[in-house]
Amino acid sequence: MLSLKDSIKQIHYIRLVKDEDILPSLILYCKNNKIESG
């Protein structure tokens, strides 16, 4: 299971989202991949 920090790095790396869209996109990403924050 990916950590939250790794998820953010991965999202930046593959450029799925613009910087201002990181938070909502990260929430969707976590839900879609069943990643638990914290």
C-alpha atoms as a PDB file:
ATOM      1  CA  MET A   1       0.000   0.000   0.000  1.00  0.00           C
ATOM      2  CA  LEU A   2       1.348   3.411  -0.973  1.00  0.00           C
ATOM      3  CA  SER A   3       1.914   6.054   1.658  1.00  0.00           C
ATOM      4  CA  LEU A   4       0.304   9.465   1.318  1.00  0.00           C
ATOM      5  CA  LYS A   5       3.690  11.075   0.570  1.00  0.00           C
ATOM      6  CA  ASP A   6       4.394   8.535  -2.181  1.00  0.00           C
ATOM      7  CA  SER A   7       0.957   9.188  -3.656  1.00  0.00           C
ATOM      8  CA  ILE A   8       1.620  12.933  -3.838  1.00  0.00           C
ATOM      9  CA  LYS A   9       5.014  12.309  -5.475  1.00  0.00           C
ATOM     10  CA  GLN A  10       3.454   9.953  -7.996  1.00  0.00           C
ATOM     11  CA  ILE A  11       0.697  12.420  -8.858  1.00  0.00           C
ATOM     12  CA  HIS A  12       3.258  15.172  -9.404  1.00  0.00           C
ATOM     13  CA  TYR A  13       5.448  12.876 -11.452  1.00  0.00           C
ATOM     14  CA  ILE A  14       2.797  11.757 -13.903  1.00  0.00           C
ATOM     15  CA  ARG A  15       1.287  15.271 -14.031  1.00  0.00           C
ATOM     16  CA  LEU A  16      -2.349  14.242 -13.709  1.00  0.00           C
ATOM     17  CA  VAL A  17      -3.289  17.485 -12.039  1.00  0.00           C
ATOM     18  CA  LYS A  18      -2.354  21.132 -11.798  1.00  0.00           C
ATOM     19  CA  ASP A  19      -0.970  22.305  -8.454  1.00  0.00           C
ATOM     20  CA  GLU A  20      -4.226  23.962  -7.382  1.00  0.00           C
ATOM     21  CA  ASP A  21      -6.081  20.708  -8.061  1.00  0.00           C
ATOM     22  CA  ILE A  22      -3.805  18.472  -5.984  1.00  0.00           C
ATOM     23  CA  LEU A  23      -6.084  18.164  -2.954  1.00  0.00           C
ATOM     24  CA  PRO A  24      -9.388  17.114  -4.602  1.00  0.00           C
ATOM     25  CA  SER A  25      -7.492  14.923  -7.048  1.00  0.00           C
ATOM     26  CA  LEU A  26      -5.526  13.305  -4.234  1.00  0.00           C
ATOM     27  CA  ILE A  27      -8.768  12.542  -2.408  1.00  0.00           C
ATOM     28  CA  LEU A  28     -10.190  10.882  -5.534  1.00  0.00           C
ATOM     29  CA  TYR A  29      -6.903   9.058  -6.106  1.00  0.00           C
ATOM     30  CA  CYS A  30      -6.922   7.716  -2.562  1.00  0.00           C
ATOM     31  CA  LYS A  31     -10.549   6.611  -2.812  1.00  0.00           C
ATOM     32  CA  ASN A  32      -9.956   4.907  -6.158  1.00  0.00           C
ATOM     33  CA  ASN A  33      -6.905   3.083  -4.835  1.00  0.00           C
ATOM     34  CA  LYS A  34      -8.216   2.537  -1.306  1.00  0.00           C
ATOM     35  CA  ILE A  35      -5.234   4.332   0.243  1.00  0.00           C
ATOM     36  CA  GLU A  36      -5.651   5.241   3.881  1.00  0.00           C
ATOM     37  CA  SER A  37      -4.331   8.642   4.913  1.00  0.00           C
ATOM     38  CA  GLY A  38      -2.491   8.915   8.217  1.00  0.00           C
END
